Structures are given as structure tokens and as C-alpha cells.
PDB file of all heavy atoms in Angstrom:
ATOM      1  N   ARG A   1     -62.503 -67.220-112.981  1.00  0.00           N
ATOM      2  CA  ARG A   1     -63.228 -68.442-112.655  1.00  0.00           C
ATOM      3  C   ARG A   1     -64.710 -68.122-112.498  1.00  0.00           C
ATOM      4  O   ARG A   1     -65.071 -67.239-111.722  1.00  0.00           O
ATOM      5  CB  ARG A   1     -62.683 -69.050-111.367  1.00  0.00           C
ATOM      6  CG  ARG A   1     -63.339 -70.372-110.975  1.00  0.00           C
ATOM      7  CD  ARG A   1     -62.601 -70.994-109.812  1.00  0.00           C
ATOM      8  NE  ARG A   1     -62.566 -70.111-108.665  1.00  0.00           N
ATOM      9  CZ  ARG A   1     -63.492 -70.086-107.719  1.00  0.00           C
ATOM     10  NH1 ARG A   1     -64.535 -70.887-107.797  1.00  0.00           N
ATOM     11  NH2 ARG A   1     -63.389 -69.262-106.703  1.00  0.00           N
ATOM     12  N   PRO A   2     -65.581 -68.824-113.194  1.00  0.00           N
ATOM     13  CA  PRO A   2     -67.022 -68.538-113.054  1.00  0.00           C
ATOM     14  C   PRO A   2     -67.549 -69.028-111.720  1.00  0.00           C
ATOM     15  O   PRO A   2     -66.966 -69.891-111.060  1.00  0.00           O
ATOM     16  CB  PRO A   2     -67.641 -69.323-114.223  1.00  0.00           C
ATOM     17  CG  PRO A   2     -66.673 -70.433-114.479  1.00  0.00           C
ATOM     18  CD  PRO A   2     -65.308 -69.866-114.191  1.00  0.00           C
ATOM     19  N   GLY A   3     -68.659 -68.464-111.324  1.00  0.00           N
ATOM     20  CA  GLY A   3     -69.271 -68.862-110.071  1.00  0.00           C
ATOM     21  C   GLY A   3     -69.940 -70.219-110.173  1.00  0.00           C
ATOM     22  O   GLY A   3     -70.099 -70.784-111.256  1.00  0.00           O
ATOM     23  N   PRO A   4     -70.350 -70.779-109.047  1.00  0.00           N
ATOM     24  CA  PRO A   4     -70.992 -72.094-109.063  1.00  0.00           C
ATOM     25  C   PRO A   4     -72.351 -72.039-109.744  1.00  0.00           C
ATOM     26  O   PRO A   4     -73.082 -71.052-109.649  1.00  0.00           O
ATOM     27  CB  PRO A   4     -71.127 -72.445-107.575  1.00  0.00           C
ATOM     28  CG  PRO A   4     -71.117 -71.129-106.876  1.00  0.00           C
ATOM     29  CD  PRO A   4     -70.235 -70.227-107.688  1.00  0.00           C
ATOM     30  N   ALA A   5     -72.667 -73.118-110.443  1.00  0.00           N
ATOM     31  CA  ALA A   5     -73.944 -73.190-111.148  1.00  0.00           C
ATOM     32  C   ALA A   5     -75.076 -73.461-110.171  1.00  0.00           C
ATOM     33  O   ALA A   5     -74.888 -74.061-109.109  1.00  0.00           O
ATOM     34  CB  ALA A   5     -73.889 -74.286-112.211  1.00  0.00           C
ATOM     35  N   ASP A   6     -76.261 -73.021-110.532  1.00  0.00           N
ATOM     36  CA  ASP A   6     -77.432 -73.236-109.702  1.00  0.00           C
ATOM     37  C   ASP A   6     -77.829 -74.707-109.777  1.00  0.00           C
ATOM     38  O   ASP A   6     -78.155 -75.215-110.858  1.00  0.00           O
ATOM     39  CB  ASP A   6     -78.575 -72.348-110.185  1.00  0.00           C
ATOM     40  CG  ASP A   6     -79.740 -72.369-109.216  1.00  0.00           C
ATOM     41  OD1 ASP A   6     -79.627 -73.013-108.152  1.00  0.00           O
ATOM     42  OD2 ASP A   6     -80.767 -71.738-109.520  1.00  0.00           O
ATOM     43  N   PRO A   7     -77.810 -75.446-108.648  1.00  0.00           N
ATOM     44  CA  PRO A   7     -78.126 -76.875-108.701  1.00  0.00           C
ATOM     45  C   PRO A   7     -79.604 -77.172-108.921  1.00  0.00           C
ATOM     46  O   PRO A   7     -79.958 -78.314-109.199  1.00  0.00           O
ATOM     47  CB  PRO A   7     -77.663 -77.384-107.332  1.00  0.00           C
ATOM     48  CG  PRO A   7     -77.755 -76.202-106.447  1.00  0.00           C
ATOM     49  CD  PRO A   7     -77.451 -75.011-107.305  1.00  0.00           C
ATOM     50  N   GLY A   8     -80.458 -76.209-108.785  1.00  0.00           N
ATOM     51  CA  GLY A   8     -81.878 -76.462-108.991  1.00  0.00           C
ATOM     52  C   GLY A   8     -82.648 -76.485-107.692  1.00  0.00           C
ATOM     53  O   GLY A   8     -82.075 -76.609-106.604  1.00  0.00           O
ATOM     54  N   PRO A   9     -83.976 -76.396-107.770  1.00  0.00           N
ATOM     55  CA  PRO A   9     -84.779 -76.337-106.543  1.00  0.00           C
ATOM     56  C   PRO A   9     -84.815 -77.652-105.766  1.00  0.00           C
ATOM     57  O   PRO A   9     -85.048 -77.653-104.570  1.00  0.00           O
ATOM     58  CB  PRO A   9     -86.173 -75.953-107.046  1.00  0.00           C
ATOM     59  CG  PRO A   9     -86.192 -76.423-108.468  1.00  0.00           C
ATOM     60  CD  PRO A   9     -84.791 -76.266-108.988  1.00  0.00           C
ATOM     61  N   GLY A  10     -84.620 -78.810-106.431  1.00  0.00           N
ATOM     62  CA  GLY A  10     -84.704 -80.083-105.735  1.00  0.00           C
ATOM     63  C   GLY A  10     -83.398 -80.550-105.127  1.00  0.00           C
ATOM     64  O   GLY A  10     -83.322 -81.664-104.596  1.00  0.00           O
ATOM     65  N   PHE A  11     -82.344 -79.732-105.178  1.00  0.00           N
ATOM     66  CA  PHE A  11     -81.040 -80.145-104.676  1.00  0.00           C
ATOM     67  C   PHE A  11     -81.002 -80.046-103.158  1.00  0.00           C
ATOM     68  O   PHE A  11     -81.486 -79.083-102.569  1.00  0.00           O
ATOM     69  CB  PHE A  11     -79.949 -79.264-105.287  1.00  0.00           C
ATOM     70  CG  PHE A  11     -78.570 -79.558-104.776  1.00  0.00           C
ATOM     71  CD1 PHE A  11     -77.888 -80.673-105.216  1.00  0.00           C
ATOM     72  CD2 PHE A  11     -77.972 -78.724-103.853  1.00  0.00           C
ATOM     73  CE1 PHE A  11     -76.613 -80.952-104.751  1.00  0.00           C
ATOM     74  CE2 PHE A  11     -76.712 -78.983-103.383  1.00  0.00           C
ATOM     75  CZ  PHE A  11     -76.030 -80.106-103.827  1.00  0.00           C
ATOM     76  N   SER A  12     -80.410 -81.059-102.511  1.00  0.00           N
ATOM     77  CA  SER A  12     -80.281 -81.083-101.059  1.00  0.00           C
ATOM     78  C   SER A  12     -78.803 -81.079-100.711  1.00  0.00           C
ATOM     79  O   SER A  12     -78.074 -82.015-101.042  1.00  0.00           O
ATOM     80  CB  SER A  12     -80.972 -82.316-100.469  1.00  0.00           C
ATOM     81  OG  SER A  12     -80.751 -82.390 -99.076  1.00  0.00           O
ATOM     82  N   ASN A  13     -78.392 -80.024-100.056  1.00  0.00           N
ATOM     83  CA  ASN A  13     -76.990 -79.927 -99.641  1.00  0.00           C
ATOM     84  C   ASN A  13     -76.641 -80.993 -98.615  1.00  0.00           C
ATOM     85  O   ASN A  13     -75.547 -81.565 -98.648  1.00  0.00           O
ATOM     86  CB  ASN A  13     -76.730 -78.526 -99.081  1.00  0.00           C
ATOM     87  CG  ASN A  13     -75.317 -78.356 -98.593  1.00  0.00           C
ATOM     88  OD1 ASN A  13     -75.039 -78.532 -97.407  1.00  0.00           O
ATOM     89  ND2 ASN A  13     -74.414 -78.014 -99.500  1.00  0.00           N
ATOM     90  N   THR A  14     -77.558 -81.277 -97.703  1.00  0.00           N
ATOM     91  CA  THR A  14     -77.297 -82.285 -96.674  1.00  0.00           C
ATOM     92  C   THR A  14     -77.146 -83.670 -97.289  1.00  0.00           C
ATOM     93  O   THR A  14     -76.261 -84.444 -96.906  1.00  0.00           O
ATOM     94  CB  THR A  14     -78.445 -82.280 -95.654  1.00  0.00           C
ATOM     95  OG1 THR A  14     -78.626 -80.955 -95.157  1.00  0.00           O
ATOM     96  CG2 THR A  14     -78.147 -83.222 -94.508  1.00  0.00           C
ATOM     97  N   LYS A  15     -77.996 -83.996 -98.262  1.00  0.00           N
ATOM     98  CA  LYS A  15     -77.904 -85.299 -98.923  1.00  0.00           C
ATOM     99  C   LYS A  15     -76.595 -85.433 -99.695  1.00  0.00           C
ATOM    100  O   LYS A  15     -75.923 -86.477 -99.622  1.00  0.00           O
ATOM    101  CB  LYS A  15     -79.098 -85.474 -99.874  1.00  0.00           C
ATOM    102  CG  LYS A  15     -79.105 -86.809-100.598  1.00  0.00           C
ATOM    103  CD  LYS A  15     -80.317 -86.907-101.505  1.00  0.00           C
ATOM    104  CE  LYS A  15     -80.319 -88.232-102.267  1.00  0.00           C
ATOM    105  NZ  LYS A  15     -81.481 -88.337-103.167  1.00  0.00           N
ATOM    106  N   ALA A  16     -76.211 -84.381-100.418  1.00  0.00           N
ATOM    107  CA  ALA A  16     -74.954 -84.431-101.172  1.00  0.00           C
ATOM    108  C   ALA A  16     -73.760 -84.545-100.238  1.00  0.00           C
ATOM    109  O   ALA A  16     -72.820 -85.319-100.501  1.00  0.00           O
ATOM    110  CB  ALA A  16     -74.829 -83.184-102.042  1.00  0.00           C
ATOM    111  N   LEU A  17     -73.790 -83.820 -99.133  1.00  0.00           N
ATOM    112  CA  LEU A  17     -72.691 -83.907 -98.172  1.00  0.00           C
ATOM    113  C   LEU A  17     -72.617 -85.286 -97.537  1.00  0.00           C
ATOM    114  O   LEU A  17     -71.526 -85.842 -97.342  1.00  0.00           O
ATOM    115  CB  LEU A  17     -72.866 -82.831 -97.099  1.00  0.00           C
ATOM    116  CG  LEU A  17     -71.775 -82.738 -96.030  1.00  0.00           C
ATOM    117  CD1 LEU A  17     -70.438 -82.399 -96.664  1.00  0.00           C
ATOM    118  CD2 LEU A  17     -72.134 -81.704 -94.981  1.00  0.00           C
ATOM    119  N   GLY A  18     -73.773 -85.865 -97.220  1.00  0.00           N
ATOM    120  CA  GLY A  18     -73.786 -87.211 -96.658  1.00  0.00           C
ATOM    121  C   GLY A  18     -73.274 -88.261 -97.637  1.00  0.00           C
ATOM    122  O   GLY A  18     -72.536 -89.174 -97.246  1.00  0.00           O
ATOM    123  N   GLU A  19     -73.655 -88.135 -98.902  1.00  0.00           N
ATOM    124  CA  GLU A  19     -73.172 -89.096 -99.898  1.00  0.00           C
ATOM    125  C   GLU A  19     -71.658 -89.018-100.062  1.00  0.00           C
ATOM    126  O   GLU A  19     -70.973 -90.033-100.139  1.00  0.00           O
ATOM    127  CB  GLU A  19     -73.863 -88.838-101.240  1.00  0.00           C
ATOM    128  CG  GLU A  19     -75.345 -89.229-101.255  1.00  0.00           C
ATOM    129  CD  GLU A  19     -75.999 -88.899-102.577  1.00  0.00           C
ATOM    130  OE1 GLU A  19     -75.331 -88.255-103.422  1.00  0.00           O
ATOM    131  OE2 GLU A  19     -77.172 -89.278-102.759  1.00  0.00           O
ATOM    132  N   VAL A  20     -71.124 -87.805-100.106  1.00  0.00           N
ATOM    133  CA  VAL A  20     -69.667 -87.656-100.240  1.00  0.00           C
ATOM    134  C   VAL A  20     -68.945 -88.116 -98.980  1.00  0.00           C
ATOM    135  O   VAL A  20     -67.908 -88.783 -99.034  1.00  0.00           O
ATOM    136  CB  VAL A  20     -69.316 -86.186-100.570  1.00  0.00           C
ATOM    137  CG1 VAL A  20     -67.812 -85.976-100.552  1.00  0.00           C
ATOM    138  CG2 VAL A  20     -69.882 -85.804-101.919  1.00  0.00           C
ATOM    139  N   LEU A  21     -69.526 -87.790 -97.816  1.00  0.00           N
ATOM    140  CA  LEU A  21     -68.857 -88.101 -96.555  1.00  0.00           C
ATOM    141  C   LEU A  21     -68.825 -89.597 -96.285  1.00  0.00           C
ATOM    142  O   LEU A  21     -67.814 -90.124 -95.781  1.00  0.00           O
ATOM    143  CB  LEU A  21     -69.577 -87.374 -95.415  1.00  0.00           C
ATOM    144  CG  LEU A  21     -68.878 -87.341 -94.053  1.00  0.00           C
ATOM    145  CD1 LEU A  21     -67.566 -86.602 -94.156  1.00  0.00           C
ATOM    146  CD2 LEU A  21     -69.772 -86.690 -93.025  1.00  0.00           C
ATOM    147  N   TYR A  22     -69.891 -90.321 -96.648  1.00  0.00           N
ATOM    148  CA  TYR A  22     -69.973 -91.740 -96.328  1.00  0.00           C
ATOM    149  C   TYR A  22     -69.634 -92.651 -97.510  1.00  0.00           C
ATOM    150  O   TYR A  22     -69.828 -93.865 -97.419  1.00  0.00           O
ATOM    151  CB  TYR A  22     -71.372 -92.070 -95.798  1.00  0.00           C
ATOM    152  CG  TYR A  22     -71.641 -91.455 -94.451  1.00  0.00           C
ATOM    153  CD1 TYR A  22     -72.512 -90.384 -94.323  1.00  0.00           C
ATOM    154  CD2 TYR A  22     -71.008 -91.922 -93.311  1.00  0.00           C
ATOM    155  CE1 TYR A  22     -72.763 -89.798 -93.094  1.00  0.00           C
ATOM    156  CE2 TYR A  22     -71.249 -91.352 -92.075  1.00  0.00           C
ATOM    157  CZ  TYR A  22     -72.124 -90.294 -91.972  1.00  0.00           C
ATOM    158  OH  TYR A  22     -72.351 -89.724 -90.754  1.00  0.00           O
ATOM    159  N   THR A  23     -69.143 -92.081 -98.597  1.00  0.00           N
ATOM    160  CA  THR A  23     -68.680 -92.907 -99.723  1.00  0.00           C
ATOM    161  C   THR A  23     -67.209 -92.628-100.036  1.00  0.00           C
ATOM    162  O   THR A  23     -66.357 -93.496 -99.863  1.00  0.00           O
ATOM    163  CB  THR A  23     -69.535 -92.648-100.970  1.00  0.00           C
ATOM    164  OG1 THR A  23     -69.549 -91.244-101.257  1.00  0.00           O
ATOM    165  CG2 THR A  23     -70.956 -93.145-100.772  1.00  0.00           C
ATOM    166  N   ASP A  24     -66.904 -91.401-100.442  1.00  0.00           N
ATOM    167  CA  ASP A  24     -65.532 -91.072-100.822  1.00  0.00           C
ATOM    168  C   ASP A  24     -64.616 -90.903 -99.617  1.00  0.00           C
ATOM    169  O   ASP A  24     -63.433 -91.250 -99.684  1.00  0.00           O
ATOM    170  CB  ASP A  24     -65.513 -89.790-101.661  1.00  0.00           C
ATOM    171  CG  ASP A  24     -66.298 -89.955-102.957  1.00  0.00           C
ATOM    172  OD1 ASP A  24     -66.478 -91.108-103.399  1.00  0.00           O
ATOM    173  OD2 ASP A  24     -66.757 -88.935-103.515  1.00  0.00           O
ATOM    174  N   TYR A  25     -65.148 -90.351 -98.525  1.00  0.00           N
ATOM    175  CA  TYR A  25     -64.315 -90.050 -97.359  1.00  0.00           C
ATOM    176  C   TYR A  25     -64.765 -90.836 -96.130  1.00  0.00           C
ATOM    177  O   TYR A  25     -64.668 -90.342 -95.006  1.00  0.00           O
ATOM    178  CB  TYR A  25     -64.376 -88.549 -97.050  1.00  0.00           C
ATOM    179  CG  TYR A  25     -63.861 -87.684 -98.164  1.00  0.00           C
ATOM    180  CD1 TYR A  25     -64.744 -87.088 -99.067  1.00  0.00           C
ATOM    181  CD2 TYR A  25     -62.500 -87.478 -98.349  1.00  0.00           C
ATOM    182  CE1 TYR A  25     -64.278 -86.295-100.102  1.00  0.00           C
ATOM    183  CE2 TYR A  25     -62.028 -86.694 -99.376  1.00  0.00           C
ATOM    184  CZ  TYR A  25     -62.917 -86.106-100.262  1.00  0.00           C
ATOM    185  OH  TYR A  25     -62.455 -85.330-101.290  1.00  0.00           O
ATOM    186  N   VAL A  26     -65.228 -92.069 -96.324  1.00  0.00           N
ATOM    187  CA  VAL A  26     -65.738 -92.842 -95.195  1.00  0.00           C
ATOM    188  C   VAL A  26     -64.606 -93.254 -94.255  1.00  0.00           C
ATOM    189  O   VAL A  26     -64.755 -93.201 -93.029  1.00  0.00           O
ATOM    190  CB  VAL A  26     -66.537 -94.063 -95.693  1.00  0.00           C
ATOM    191  CG1 VAL A  26     -65.675 -94.988 -96.531  1.00  0.00           C
ATOM    192  CG2 VAL A  26     -67.180 -94.794 -94.520  1.00  0.00           C
ATOM    193  N   TYR A  27     -63.444 -93.649 -94.787  1.00  0.00           N
ATOM    194  CA  TYR A  27     -62.341 -94.080 -93.926  1.00  0.00           C
ATOM    195  C   TYR A  27     -61.710 -92.912 -93.166  1.00  0.00           C
ATOM    196  O   TYR A  27     -61.456 -93.038 -91.955  1.00  0.00           O
ATOM    197  CB  TYR A  27     -61.299 -94.827 -94.751  1.00  0.00           C
ATOM    198  CG  TYR A  27     -61.809 -96.148 -95.283  1.00  0.00           C
ATOM    199  CD1 TYR A  27     -61.932 -96.370 -96.638  1.00  0.00           C
ATOM    200  CD2 TYR A  27     -62.198 -97.162 -94.407  1.00  0.00           C
ATOM    201  CE1 TYR A  27     -62.426 -97.570 -97.128  1.00  0.00           C
ATOM    202  CE2 TYR A  27     -62.688 -98.379 -94.882  1.00  0.00           C
ATOM    203  CZ  TYR A  27     -62.800 -98.574 -96.249  1.00  0.00           C
ATOM    204  OH  TYR A  27     -63.280 -99.758 -96.722  1.00  0.00           O
ATOM    205  N   PRO A  28     -61.436 -91.759 -93.798  1.00  0.00           N
ATOM    206  CA  PRO A  28     -60.972 -90.625 -92.977  1.00  0.00           C
ATOM    207  C   PRO A  28     -61.999 -90.173 -91.946  1.00  0.00           C
ATOM    208  O   PRO A  28     -61.627 -89.782 -90.834  1.00  0.00           O
ATOM    209  CB  PRO A  28     -60.717 -89.524 -94.021  1.00  0.00           C
ATOM    210  CG  PRO A  28     -60.471 -90.247 -95.290  1.00  0.00           C
ATOM    211  CD  PRO A  28     -61.340 -91.456 -95.233  1.00  0.00           C
ATOM    212  N   PHE A  29     -63.294 -90.285 -92.280  1.00  0.00           N
ATOM    213  CA  PHE A  29     -64.330 -89.902 -91.326  1.00  0.00           C
ATOM    214  C   PHE A  29     -64.333 -90.845 -90.122  1.00  0.00           C
ATOM    215  O   PHE A  29     -64.410 -90.403 -88.968  1.00  0.00           O
ATOM    216  CB  PHE A  29     -65.694 -89.924 -92.017  1.00  0.00           C
ATOM    217  CG  PHE A  29     -66.829 -89.513 -91.133  1.00  0.00           C
ATOM    218  CD1 PHE A  29     -67.009 -88.191 -90.771  1.00  0.00           C
ATOM    219  CD2 PHE A  29     -67.723 -90.466 -90.658  1.00  0.00           C
ATOM    220  CE1 PHE A  29     -68.058 -87.813 -89.946  1.00  0.00           C
ATOM    221  CE2 PHE A  29     -68.773 -90.094 -89.831  1.00  0.00           C
ATOM    222  CZ  PHE A  29     -68.932 -88.773 -89.483  1.00  0.00           C
ATOM    223  N   GLU A  30     -64.213 -92.148 -90.373  1.00  0.00           N
ATOM    224  CA  GLU A  30     -64.160 -93.108 -89.272  1.00  0.00           C
ATOM    225  C   GLU A  30     -62.888 -92.944 -88.453  1.00  0.00           C
ATOM    226  O   GLU A  30     -62.901 -93.086 -87.225  1.00  0.00           O
ATOM    227  CB  GLU A  30     -64.268 -94.526 -89.820  1.00  0.00           C
ATOM    228  CG  GLU A  30     -65.636 -94.865 -90.383  1.00  0.00           C
ATOM    229  CD  GLU A  30     -65.716 -96.285 -90.880  1.00  0.00           C
ATOM    230  OE1 GLU A  30     -64.675 -96.976 -90.859  1.00  0.00           O
ATOM    231  OE2 GLU A  30     -66.809 -96.714 -91.274  1.00  0.00           O
ATOM    232  N   LEU A  31     -61.766 -92.635 -89.119  1.00  0.00           N
ATOM    233  CA  LEU A  31     -60.520 -92.407 -88.398  1.00  0.00           C
ATOM    234  C   LEU A  31     -60.624 -91.189 -87.492  1.00  0.00           C
ATOM    235  O   LEU A  31     -60.174 -91.214 -86.332  1.00  0.00           O
ATOM    236  CB  LEU A  31     -59.369 -92.233 -89.395  1.00  0.00           C
ATOM    237  CG  LEU A  31     -57.978 -92.016 -88.805  1.00  0.00           C
ATOM    238  CD1 LEU A  31     -57.565 -93.217 -87.968  1.00  0.00           C
ATOM    239  CD2 LEU A  31     -56.964 -91.765 -89.906  1.00  0.00           C
ATOM    240  N   ALA A  32     -61.233 -90.117 -87.988  1.00  0.00           N
ATOM    241  CA  ALA A  32     -61.432 -88.939 -87.157  1.00  0.00           C
ATOM    242  C   ALA A  32     -62.353 -89.239 -85.975  1.00  0.00           C
ATOM    243  O   ALA A  32     -62.125 -88.758 -84.851  1.00  0.00           O
ATOM    244  CB  ALA A  32     -62.010 -87.799 -87.992  1.00  0.00           C
ATOM    245  N   ALA A  33     -63.387 -90.068 -86.200  1.00  0.00           N
ATOM    246  CA  ALA A  33     -64.278 -90.440 -85.101  1.00  0.00           C
ATOM    247  C   ALA A  33     -63.545 -91.248 -84.037  1.00  0.00           C
ATOM    248  O   ALA A  33     -63.742 -91.034 -82.834  1.00  0.00           O
ATOM    249  CB  ALA A  33     -65.460 -91.237 -85.652  1.00  0.00           C
TER     250      ALA A  33
END
């Protein structure tokens, strides 16, 4: 399996995590809260 690709200098891990957390997993996140 190849390693992860370089996302580039403008990539924000926090922004990507927030988008995934509050879009795809918003209901499990609210349930956990």
C-alpha cells in the first residue's frame, strides 16, 4: 500500500476534520455529545 499523498502547503487538517465531522458524521457527533 503506498503512503499518503502530500496534500500541499495550503491544506488545513483542522478544516478538513471539521468538514467531515459536521457533515458526514454530524448525527453520531451530536449523539456522542
